[in-house]
């Protein structure tokens, strides 16, 4: 069995967040954002704010996937960043 890349190991077993399985493969950017937000809110190991933790994991995934992401996948994940920011702006207004 081939050895996993370190980035895959971090994504699957992050010490910062317990991620929902398949979170980055969801079709809906809003669902990706909501899942990351839930994971960050429930984590007792995060080092920054909930938004920083969720955004950091999403950015980490995008950066590590690099050229392996199709344009459509990259666009979907970038849209998830916007959705994530919107979720927190919504929370601040409430």
PDB file of N, CA and C in Angstrom:
ATOM      1  N   UNK A   1       0.854  -1.186   0.000  1.00  0.00           N
ATOM      2  CA  UNK A   1       0.000   0.000   0.000  1.00  0.00           C
ATOM      3  C   UNK A   1       0.898   1.246   0.000  1.00  0.00           C
ATOM      4  N   UNK A   2       0.657   2.192  -0.920  1.00  0.00           N
ATOM      5  CA  UNK A   2       1.519   3.365  -0.991  1.00  0.00           C
ATOM      6  C   UNK A   2       1.358   4.255   0.240  1.00  0.00           C
ATOM      7  N   UNK A   3       2.452   4.885   0.609  1.00  0.00           N
ATOM      8  CA  UNK A   3       2.436   5.785   1.751  1.00  0.00           C
ATOM      9  C   UNK A   3       1.660   7.057   1.399  1.00  0.00           C
ATOM     10  N   UNK A   4       0.840   7.545   2.337  1.00  0.00           N
ATOM     11  CA  UNK A   4       0.077   8.757   2.106  1.00  0.00           C
ATOM     12  C   UNK A   4       1.006   9.965   2.091  1.00  0.00           C
ATOM     13  N   UNK A   5       0.633  10.974   1.336  1.00  0.00           N
ATOM     14  CA  UNK A   5       1.361  12.226   1.363  1.00  0.00           C
ATOM     15  C   UNK A   5       1.073  12.922   2.688  1.00  0.00           C
ATOM     16  N   UNK A   6       2.006  13.739   3.148  1.00  0.00           N
ATOM     17  CA  UNK A   6       1.819  14.407   4.436  1.00  0.00           C
ATOM     18  C   UNK A   6       0.592  15.306   4.420  1.00  0.00           C
ATOM     19  N   UNK A   7       0.284  15.923   3.266  1.00  0.00           N
ATOM     20  CA  UNK A   7      -0.872  16.807   3.206  1.00  0.00           C
ATOM     21  C   UNK A   7      -2.185  16.028   3.335  1.00  0.00           C
ATOM     22  N   UNK A   8      -2.216  14.832   2.786  1.00  0.00           N
ATOM     23  CA  UNK A   8      -3.401  13.985   2.937  1.00  0.00           C
ATOM     24  C   UNK A   8      -3.556  13.591   4.394  1.00  0.00           C
ATOM     25  N   UNK A   9      -2.465  13.278   5.032  1.00  0.00           N
ATOM     26  CA  UNK A   9      -2.491  12.923   6.453  1.00  0.00           C
ATOM     27  C   UNK A   9      -3.035  14.085   7.288  1.00  0.00           C
ATOM     28  N   UNK A  10      -2.573  15.306   7.002  1.00  0.00           N
ATOM     29  CA  UNK A  10      -3.047  16.474   7.742  1.00  0.00           C
ATOM     30  C   UNK A  10      -4.535  16.689   7.506  1.00  0.00           C
ATOM     31  N   UNK A  11      -4.948  16.599   6.248  1.00  0.00           N
ATOM     32  CA  UNK A  11      -6.357  16.815   5.924  1.00  0.00           C
ATOM     33  C   UNK A  11      -7.252  15.794   6.617  1.00  0.00           C
ATOM     34  N   UNK A  12      -6.822  14.546   6.643  1.00  0.00           N
ATOM     35  CA  UNK A  12      -7.651  13.487   7.215  1.00  0.00           C
ATOM     36  C   UNK A  12      -7.572  13.414   8.733  1.00  0.00           C
ATOM     37  N   UNK A  13      -6.430  13.811   9.289  1.00  0.00           N
ATOM     38  CA  UNK A  13      -6.237  13.652  10.738  1.00  0.00           C
ATOM     39  C   UNK A  13      -5.741  14.938  11.373  1.00  0.00           C
ATOM     40  N   UNK A  14      -6.282  16.056  10.927  1.00  0.00           N
ATOM     41  CA  UNK A  14      -5.844  17.348  11.434  1.00  0.00           C
ATOM     42  C   UNK A  14      -5.994  17.421  12.940  1.00  0.00           C
ATOM     43  N   UNK A  15      -5.009  18.042  13.561  1.00  0.00           N
ATOM     44  CA  UNK A  15      -5.079  18.243  14.997  1.00  0.00           C
ATOM     45  C   UNK A  15      -5.921  19.468  15.323  1.00  0.00           C
ATOM     46  N   UNK A  16      -6.284  20.235  14.318  1.00  0.00           N
ATOM     47  CA  UNK A  16      -7.044  21.447  14.554  1.00  0.00           C
ATOM     48  C   UNK A  16      -8.550  21.225  14.449  1.00  0.00           C
ATOM     49  N   UNK A  17      -8.978  20.424  13.490  1.00  0.00           N
ATOM     50  CA  UNK A  17     -10.408  20.207  13.266  1.00  0.00           C
ATOM     51  C   UNK A  17     -10.694  18.749  12.954  1.00  0.00           C
ATOM     52  N   UNK A  18     -11.833  18.276  13.408  1.00  0.00           N
ATOM     53  CA  UNK A  18     -12.335  16.970  12.997  1.00  0.00           C
ATOM     54  C   UNK A  18     -13.291  17.239  11.844  1.00  0.00           C
ATOM     55  N   UNK A  19     -12.836  16.936  10.645  1.00  0.00           N
ATOM     56  CA  UNK A  19     -13.612  17.248   9.454  1.00  0.00           C
ATOM     57  C   UNK A  19     -14.596  16.148   9.117  1.00  0.00           C
ATOM     58  N   UNK A  20     -15.729  16.556   8.569  1.00  0.00           N
ATOM     59  CA  UNK A  20     -16.713  15.613   8.046  1.00  0.00           C
ATOM     60  C   UNK A  20     -16.088  14.904   6.848  1.00  0.00           C
ATOM     61  N   UNK A  21     -16.295  13.623   6.751  1.00  0.00           N
ATOM     62  CA  UNK A  21     -15.749  12.859   5.617  1.00  0.00           C
ATOM     63  C   UNK A  21     -16.267  13.430   4.304  1.00  0.00           C
ATOM     64  N   UNK A  22     -15.374  13.632   3.363  1.00  0.00           N
ATOM     65  CA  UNK A  22     -15.748  14.105   2.041  1.00  0.00           C
ATOM     66  C   UNK A  22     -16.158  15.559   1.958  1.00  0.00           C
ATOM     67  N   UNK A  23     -15.836  16.336   2.975  1.00  0.00           N
ATOM     68  CA  UNK A  23     -16.284  17.735   3.003  1.00  0.00           C
ATOM     69  C   UNK A  23     -15.837  18.511   1.768  1.00  0.00           C
ATOM     70  N   UNK A  24     -14.633  18.278   1.287  1.00  0.00           N
ATOM     71  CA  UNK A  24     -14.113  19.050   0.164  1.00  0.00           C
ATOM     72  C   UNK A  24     -14.626  18.547  -1.190  1.00  0.00           C
ATOM     73  N   UNK A  25     -15.347  17.449  -1.193  1.00  0.00           N
ATOM     74  CA  UNK A  25     -15.886  16.924  -2.445  1.00  0.00           C
ATOM     75  C   UNK A  25     -17.377  17.225  -2.609  1.00  0.00           C
ATOM     76  N   UNK A  26     -17.965  17.902  -1.638  1.00  0.00           N
ATOM     77  CA  UNK A  26     -19.378  18.280  -1.755  1.00  0.00           C
ATOM     78  C   UNK A  26     -19.557  19.196  -2.960  1.00  0.00           C
ATOM     79  N   UNK A  27     -20.706  19.107  -3.611  1.00  0.00           N
ATOM     80  CA  UNK A  27     -20.978  19.913  -4.800  1.00  0.00           C
ATOM     81  C   UNK A  27     -21.375  21.346  -4.475  1.00  0.00           C
ATOM     82  N   UNK A  28     -21.979  21.552  -3.323  1.00  0.00           N
ATOM     83  CA  UNK A  28     -22.513  22.863  -2.950  1.00  0.00           C
ATOM     84  C   UNK A  28     -21.510  23.615  -2.070  1.00  0.00           C
ATOM     85  N   UNK A  29     -20.988  24.755  -2.547  1.00  0.00           N
ATOM     86  CA  UNK A  29     -20.040  25.531  -1.737  1.00  0.00           C
ATOM     87  C   UNK A  29     -20.610  25.933  -0.377  1.00  0.00           C
ATOM     88  N   UNK A  30     -21.915  26.190  -0.325  1.00  0.00           N
ATOM     89  CA  UNK A  30     -22.552  26.538   0.944  1.00  0.00           C
ATOM     90  C   UNK A  30     -22.492  25.394   1.941  1.00  0.00           C
ATOM     91  N   UNK A  31     -22.651  24.172   1.459  1.00  0.00           N
ATOM     92  CA  UNK A  31     -22.577  22.996   2.336  1.00  0.00           C
ATOM     93  C   UNK A  31     -21.146  22.779   2.830  1.00  0.00           C
ATOM     94  N   UNK A  32     -20.166  23.040   1.977  1.00  0.00           N
ATOM     95  CA  UNK A  32     -18.765  22.939   2.399  1.00  0.00           C
ATOM     96  C   UNK A  32     -18.520  23.939   3.523  1.00  0.00           C
ATOM     97  N   UNK A  33     -18.962  25.179   3.323  1.00  0.00           N
ATOM     98  CA  UNK A  33     -18.768  26.233   4.319  1.00  0.00           C
ATOM     99  C   UNK A  33     -19.453  25.882   5.637  1.00  0.00           C
ATOM    100  N   UNK A  34     -20.691  25.417   5.572  1.00  0.00           N
ATOM    101  CA  UNK A  34     -21.424  25.061   6.796  1.00  0.00           C
ATOM    102  C   UNK A  34     -20.728  23.924   7.543  1.00  0.00           C
ATOM    103  N   UNK A  35     -20.237  22.940   6.812  1.00  0.00           N
ATOM    104  CA  UNK A  35     -19.555  21.810   7.436  1.00  0.00           C
ATOM    105  C   UNK A  35     -18.268  22.256   8.122  1.00  0.00           C
ATOM    106  N   UNK A  36     -17.483  23.101   7.441  1.00  0.00           N
ATOM    107  CA  UNK A  36     -16.242  23.605   8.040  1.00  0.00           C
ATOM    108  C   UNK A  36     -16.537  24.457   9.271  1.00  0.00           C
ATOM    109  N   UNK A  37     -17.576  25.257   9.204  1.00  0.00           N
ATOM    110  CA  UNK A  37     -17.967  26.090  10.341  1.00  0.00           C
ATOM    111  C   UNK A  37     -18.353  25.218  11.538  1.00  0.00           C
ATOM    112  N   UNK A  38     -19.166  24.187  11.281  1.00  0.00           N
ATOM    113  CA  UNK A  38     -19.556  23.267  12.366  1.00  0.00           C
ATOM    114  C   UNK A  38     -18.327  22.600  12.981  1.00  0.00           C
ATOM    115  N   UNK A  39     -17.417  22.136  12.131  1.00  0.00           N
ATOM    116  CA  UNK A  39     -16.210  21.474  12.617  1.00  0.00           C
ATOM    117  C   UNK A  39     -15.387  22.414  13.484  1.00  0.00           C
ATOM    118  N   UNK A  40     -15.239  23.640  13.036  1.00  0.00           N
ATOM    119  CA  UNK A  40     -14.444  24.617  13.790  1.00  0.00           C
ATOM    120  C   UNK A  40     -15.128  24.989  15.107  1.00  0.00           C
ATOM    121  N   UNK A  41     -16.443  25.118  15.078  1.00  0.00           N
ATOM    122  CA  UNK A  41     -17.174  25.472  16.300  1.00  0.00           C
ATOM    123  C   UNK A  41     -17.085  24.374  17.358  1.00  0.00           C
ATOM    124  N   UNK A  42     -17.027  23.131  16.924  1.00  0.00           N
ATOM    125  CA  UNK A  42     -17.002  22.015  17.869  1.00  0.00           C
ATOM    126  C   UNK A  42     -15.598  21.599  18.282  1.00  0.00           C
ATOM    127  N   UNK A  43     -14.589  22.173  17.664  1.00  0.00           N
ATOM    128  CA  UNK A  43     -13.211  21.802  17.985  1.00  0.00           C
ATOM    129  C   UNK A  43     -12.768  22.459  19.288  1.00  0.00           C
ATOM    130  N   UNK A  44     -12.124  21.683  20.111  1.00  0.00           N
ATOM    131  CA  UNK A  44     -11.533  22.224  21.338  1.00  0.00           C
ATOM    132  C   UNK A  44     -10.035  22.417  21.164  1.00  0.00           C
ATOM    133  N   UNK A  45      -9.534  22.114  19.963  1.00  0.00           N
ATOM    134  CA  UNK A  45      -8.093  22.170  19.724  1.00  0.00           C
ATOM    135  C   UNK A  45      -7.678  23.308  18.799  1.00  0.00           C
ATOM    136  N   UNK A  46      -8.618  24.105  18.345  1.00  0.00           N
ATOM    137  CA  UNK A  46      -8.243  25.159  17.397  1.00  0.00           C
ATOM    138  C   UNK A  46      -7.409  26.228  18.096  1.00  0.00           C
ATOM    139  N   UNK A  47      -6.582  26.893  17.296  1.00  0.00           N
ATOM    140  CA  UNK A  47      -5.678  27.887  17.866  1.00  0.00           C
ATOM    141  C   UNK A  47      -6.137  29.317  17.606  1.00  0.00           C
ATOM    142  N   UNK A  48      -6.993  29.534  16.632  1.00  0.00           N
ATOM    143  CA  UNK A  48      -7.479  30.876  16.323  1.00  0.00           C
ATOM    144  C   UNK A  48      -8.978  30.944  16.534  1.00  0.00           C
ATOM    145  N   UNK A  49      -9.588  31.909  15.874  1.00  0.00           N
ATOM    146  CA  UNK A  49     -11.045  32.017  15.942  1.00  0.00           C
ATOM    147  C   UNK A  49     -11.666  30.898  15.112  1.00  0.00           C
ATOM    148  N   UNK A  50     -12.958  30.771  15.230  1.00  0.00           N
ATOM    149  CA  UNK A  50     -13.678  29.758  14.445  1.00  0.00           C
ATOM    150  C   UNK A  50     -13.481  30.028  12.952  1.00  0.00           C
ATOM    151  N   UNK A  51     -13.625  31.287  12.550  1.00  0.00           N
ATOM    152  CA  UNK A  51     -13.445  31.634  11.141  1.00  0.00           C
ATOM    153  C   UNK A  51     -12.021  31.348  10.680  1.00  0.00           C
ATOM    154  N   UNK A  52     -11.034  31.725  11.464  1.00  0.00           N
ATOM    155  CA  UNK A  52      -9.641  31.473  11.083  1.00  0.00           C
ATOM    156  C   UNK A  52      -9.364  29.988  10.917  1.00  0.00           C
ATOM    157  N   UNK A  53      -9.885  29.186  11.810  1.00  0.00           N
ATOM    158  CA  UNK A  53      -9.665  27.742  11.735  1.00  0.00           C
ATOM    159  C   UNK A  53     -10.316  27.128  10.504  1.00  0.00           C
ATOM    160  N   UNK A  54     -11.571  27.495  10.270  1.00  0.00           N
ATOM    161  CA  UNK A  54     -12.300  26.951   9.120  1.00  0.00           C
ATOM    162  C   UNK A  54     -11.667  27.416   7.810  1.00  0.00           C
ATOM    163  N   UNK A  55     -11.356  28.702   7.718  1.00  0.00           N
ATOM    164  CA  UNK A  55     -10.768  29.252   6.503  1.00  0.00           C
ATOM    165  C   UNK A  55      -9.368  28.679   6.283  1.00  0.00           C
ATOM    166  N   UNK A  56      -8.627  28.513   7.359  1.00  0.00           N
ATOM    167  CA  UNK A  56      -7.284  27.958   7.254  1.00  0.00           C
ATOM    168  C   UNK A  56      -7.283  26.547   6.697  1.00  0.00           C
ATOM    169  N   UNK A  57      -8.233  25.732   7.121  1.00  0.00           N
ATOM    170  CA  UNK A  57      -8.292  24.356   6.628  1.00  0.00           C
ATOM    171  C   UNK A  57      -8.694  24.330   5.155  1.00  0.00           C
ATOM    172  N   UNK A  58      -9.621  25.196   4.773  1.00  0.00           N
ATOM    173  CA  UNK A  58     -10.042  25.271   3.370  1.00  0.00           C
ATOM    174  C   UNK A  58      -8.884  25.755   2.489  1.00  0.00           C
ATOM    175  N   UNK A  59      -8.198  26.782   2.929  1.00  0.00           N
ATOM    176  CA  UNK A  59      -7.056  27.303   2.172  1.00  0.00           C
ATOM    177  C   UNK A  59      -5.946  26.268   2.086  1.00  0.00           C
ATOM    178  N   UNK A  60      -5.693  25.573   3.182  1.00  0.00           N
ATOM    179  CA  UNK A  60      -4.682  24.527   3.192  1.00  0.00           C
ATOM    180  C   UNK A  60      -5.009  23.475   2.134  1.00  0.00           C
ATOM    181  N   UNK A  61      -6.256  23.041   2.098  1.00  0.00           N
ATOM    182  CA  UNK A  61      -6.659  22.019   1.135  1.00  0.00           C
ATOM    183  C   UNK A  61      -6.462  22.512  -0.301  1.00  0.00           C
ATOM    184  N   UNK A  62      -6.896  23.736  -0.583  1.00  0.00           N
ATOM    185  CA  UNK A  62      -6.756  24.286  -1.931  1.00  0.00           C
ATOM    186  C   UNK A  62      -5.283  24.372  -2.320  1.00  0.00           C
ATOM    187  N   UNK A  63      -4.459  24.876  -1.422  1.00  0.00           N
ATOM    188  CA  UNK A  63      -3.034  25.030  -1.713  1.00  0.00           C
ATOM    189  C   UNK A  63      -2.342  23.691  -1.910  1.00  0.00           C
ATOM    190  N   UNK A  64      -2.668  22.717  -1.102  1.00  0.00           N
ATOM    191  CA  UNK A  64      -2.022  21.410  -1.200  1.00  0.00           C
ATOM    192  C   UNK A  64      -2.465  20.661  -2.446  1.00  0.00           C
ATOM    193  N   UNK A  65      -3.724  20.829  -2.831  1.00  0.00           N
ATOM    194  CA  UNK A  65      -4.221  20.127  -4.022  1.00  0.00           C
ATOM    195  C   UNK A  65      -3.574  20.709  -5.277  1.00  0.00           C
ATOM    196  N   UNK A  66      -3.310  22.001  -5.240  1.00  0.00           N
ATOM    197  CA  UNK A  66      -2.588  22.659  -6.321  1.00  0.00           C
ATOM    198  C   UNK A  66      -3.118  22.353  -7.705  1.00  0.00           C
ATOM    199  N   UNK A  67      -2.213  21.912  -8.573  1.00  0.00           N
ATOM    200  CA  UNK A  67      -2.566  21.649  -9.966  1.00  0.00           C
ATOM    201  C   UNK A  67      -3.456  20.426 -10.133  1.00  0.00           C
ATOM    202  N   UNK A  68      -3.640  19.649  -9.095  1.00  0.00           N
ATOM    203  CA  UNK A  68      -4.507  18.473  -9.186  1.00  0.00           C
ATOM    204  C   UNK A  68      -5.985  18.840  -9.163  1.00  0.00           C
ATOM    205  N   UNK A  69      -6.301  20.088  -8.807  1.00  0.00           N
ATOM    206  CA  UNK A  69      -7.692  20.536  -8.813  1.00  0.00           C
ATOM    207  C   UNK A  69      -8.078  20.995 -10.210  1.00  0.00           C
ATOM    208  N   UNK A  70      -9.236  20.567 -10.649  1.00  0.00           N
ATOM    209  CA  UNK A  70      -9.750  21.084 -11.919  1.00  0.00           C
ATOM    210  C   UNK A  70     -10.184  22.537 -11.695  1.00  0.00           C
ATOM    211  N   UNK A  71     -10.377  23.267 -12.774  1.00  0.00           N
ATOM    212  CA  UNK A  71     -10.837  24.647 -12.648  1.00  0.00           C
ATOM    213  C   UNK A  71     -12.191  24.693 -11.944  1.00  0.00           C
ATOM    214  N   UNK A  72     -13.060  23.767 -12.272  1.00  0.00           N
ATOM    215  CA  UNK A  72     -14.388  23.723 -11.651  1.00  0.00           C
ATOM    216  C   UNK A  72     -14.283  23.471 -10.147  1.00  0.00           C
ATOM    217  N   UNK A  73     -13.401  22.544  -9.754  1.00  0.00           N
ATOM    218  CA  UNK A  73     -13.227  22.252  -8.326  1.00  0.00           C
ATOM    219  C   UNK A  73     -12.631  23.445  -7.595  1.00  0.00           C
ATOM    220  N   UNK A  74     -11.630  24.070  -8.203  1.00  0.00           N
ATOM    221  CA  UNK A  74     -11.006  25.248  -7.582  1.00  0.00           C
ATOM    222  C   UNK A  74     -12.040  26.368  -7.432  1.00  0.00           C
ATOM    223  N   UNK A  75     -12.831  26.599  -8.466  1.00  0.00           N
ATOM    224  CA  UNK A  75     -13.864  27.634  -8.409  1.00  0.00           C
ATOM    225  C   UNK A  75     -14.881  27.331  -7.310  1.00  0.00           C
ATOM    226  N   UNK A  76     -15.283  26.059  -7.194  1.00  0.00           N
ATOM    227  CA  UNK A  76     -16.250  25.649  -6.162  1.00  0.00           C
ATOM    228  C   UNK A  76     -15.682  25.896  -4.771  1.00  0.00           C
ATOM    229  N   UNK A  77     -14.415  25.560  -4.561  1.00  0.00           N
ATOM    230  CA  UNK A  77     -13.789  25.742  -3.248  1.00  0.00           C
ATOM    231  C   UNK A  77     -13.548  27.223  -2.945  1.00  0.00           C
ATOM    232  N   UNK A  78     -13.209  28.010  -3.961  1.00  0.00           N
ATOM    233  CA  UNK A  78     -13.059  29.458  -3.758  1.00  0.00           C
ATOM    234  C   UNK A  78     -14.410  30.080  -3.404  1.00  0.00           C
ATOM    235  N   UNK A  79     -15.472  29.598  -4.031  1.00  0.00           N
ATOM    236  CA  UNK A  79     -16.823  30.065  -3.701  1.00  0.00           C
ATOM    237  C   UNK A  79     -17.169  29.682  -2.260  1.00  0.00           C
ATOM    238  N   UNK A  80     -16.690  28.528  -1.802  1.00  0.00           N
ATOM    239  CA  UNK A  80     -16.927  28.114  -0.412  1.00  0.00           C
ATOM    240  C   UNK A  80     -16.292  29.105   0.565  1.00  0.00           C
ATOM    241  N   UNK A  81     -15.160  29.710   0.178  1.00  0.00           N
ATOM    242  CA  UNK A  81     -14.548  30.743   1.026  1.00  0.00           C
ATOM    243  C   UNK A  81     -15.505  31.923   1.190  1.00  0.00           C
ATOM    244  N   UNK A  82     -16.099  32.340   0.068  1.00  0.00           N
ATOM    245  CA  UNK A  82     -17.065  33.445   0.120  1.00  0.00           C
ATOM    246  C   UNK A  82     -18.255  33.078   0.998  1.00  0.00           C
ATOM    247  N   UNK A  83     -18.730  31.851   0.847  1.00  0.00           N
ATOM    248  CA  UNK A  83     -19.866  31.380   1.651  1.00  0.00           C
ATOM    249  C   UNK A  83     -19.510  31.351   3.139  1.00  0.00           C
ATOM    250  N   UNK A  84     -18.299  30.950   3.444  1.00  0.00           N
ATOM    251  CA  UNK A  84     -17.840  30.889   4.825  1.00  0.00           C
ATOM    252  C   UNK A  84     -17.802  32.291   5.434  1.00  0.00           C
ATOM    253  N   UNK A  85     -17.246  33.238   4.696  1.00  0.00           N
ATOM    254  CA  UNK A  85     -17.222  34.634   5.178  1.00  0.00           C
ATOM    255  C   UNK A  85     -18.646  35.138   5.408  1.00  0.00           C
ATOM    256  N   UNK A  86     -19.542  34.815   4.489  1.00  0.00           N
ATOM    257  CA  UNK A  86     -20.931  35.263   4.597  1.00  0.00           C
ATOM    258  C   UNK A  86     -21.617  34.680   5.831  1.00  0.00           C
ATOM    259  N   UNK A  87     -21.318  33.424   6.156  1.00  0.00           N
ATOM    260  CA  UNK A  87     -21.898  32.815   7.352  1.00  0.00           C
ATOM    261  C   UNK A  87     -21.488  33.569   8.612  1.00  0.00           C
ATOM    262  N   UNK A  88     -20.260  34.024   8.653  1.00  0.00           N
ATOM    263  CA  UNK A  88     -19.787  34.741   9.833  1.00  0.00           C
ATOM    264  C   UNK A  88     -20.266  36.174   9.859  1.00  0.00           C
ATOM    265  N   UNK A  89     -20.419  36.793   8.700  1.00  0.00           N
ATOM    266  CA  UNK A  89     -20.976  38.142   8.642  1.00  0.00           C
ATOM    267  C   UNK A  89     -22.427  38.111   9.103  1.00  0.00           C
ATOM    268  N   UNK A  90     -23.139  37.080   8.695  1.00  0.00           N
ATOM    269  CA  UNK A  90     -24.540  36.882   9.091  1.00  0.00           C
ATOM    270  C   UNK A  90     -24.636  36.754  10.598  1.00  0.00           C
ATOM    271  N   UNK A  91     -23.712  36.015  11.183  1.00  0.00           N
ATOM    272  CA  UNK A  91     -23.706  35.799  12.636  1.00  0.00           C
ATOM    273  C   UNK A  91     -23.439  37.107  13.364  1.00  0.00           C
ATOM    274  N   UNK A  92     -22.549  37.950  12.833  1.00  0.00           N
ATOM    275  CA  UNK A  92     -22.227  39.237  13.461  1.00  0.00           C
ATOM    276  C   UNK A  92     -23.411  40.184  13.420  1.00  0.00           C
ATOM    277  N   UNK A  93     -24.192  40.132  12.338  1.00  0.00           N
ATOM    278  CA  UNK A  93     -25.354  41.019  12.203  1.00  0.00           C
ATOM    279  C   UNK A  93     -26.499  40.621  13.132  1.00  0.00           C
ATOM    280  N   UNK A  94     -26.534  39.349  13.505  1.00  0.00           N
ATOM    281  CA  UNK A  94     -27.663  38.855  14.319  1.00  0.00           C
ATOM    282  C   UNK A  94     -27.563  39.297  15.758  1.00  0.00           C
TER     283      UNK A  94
END
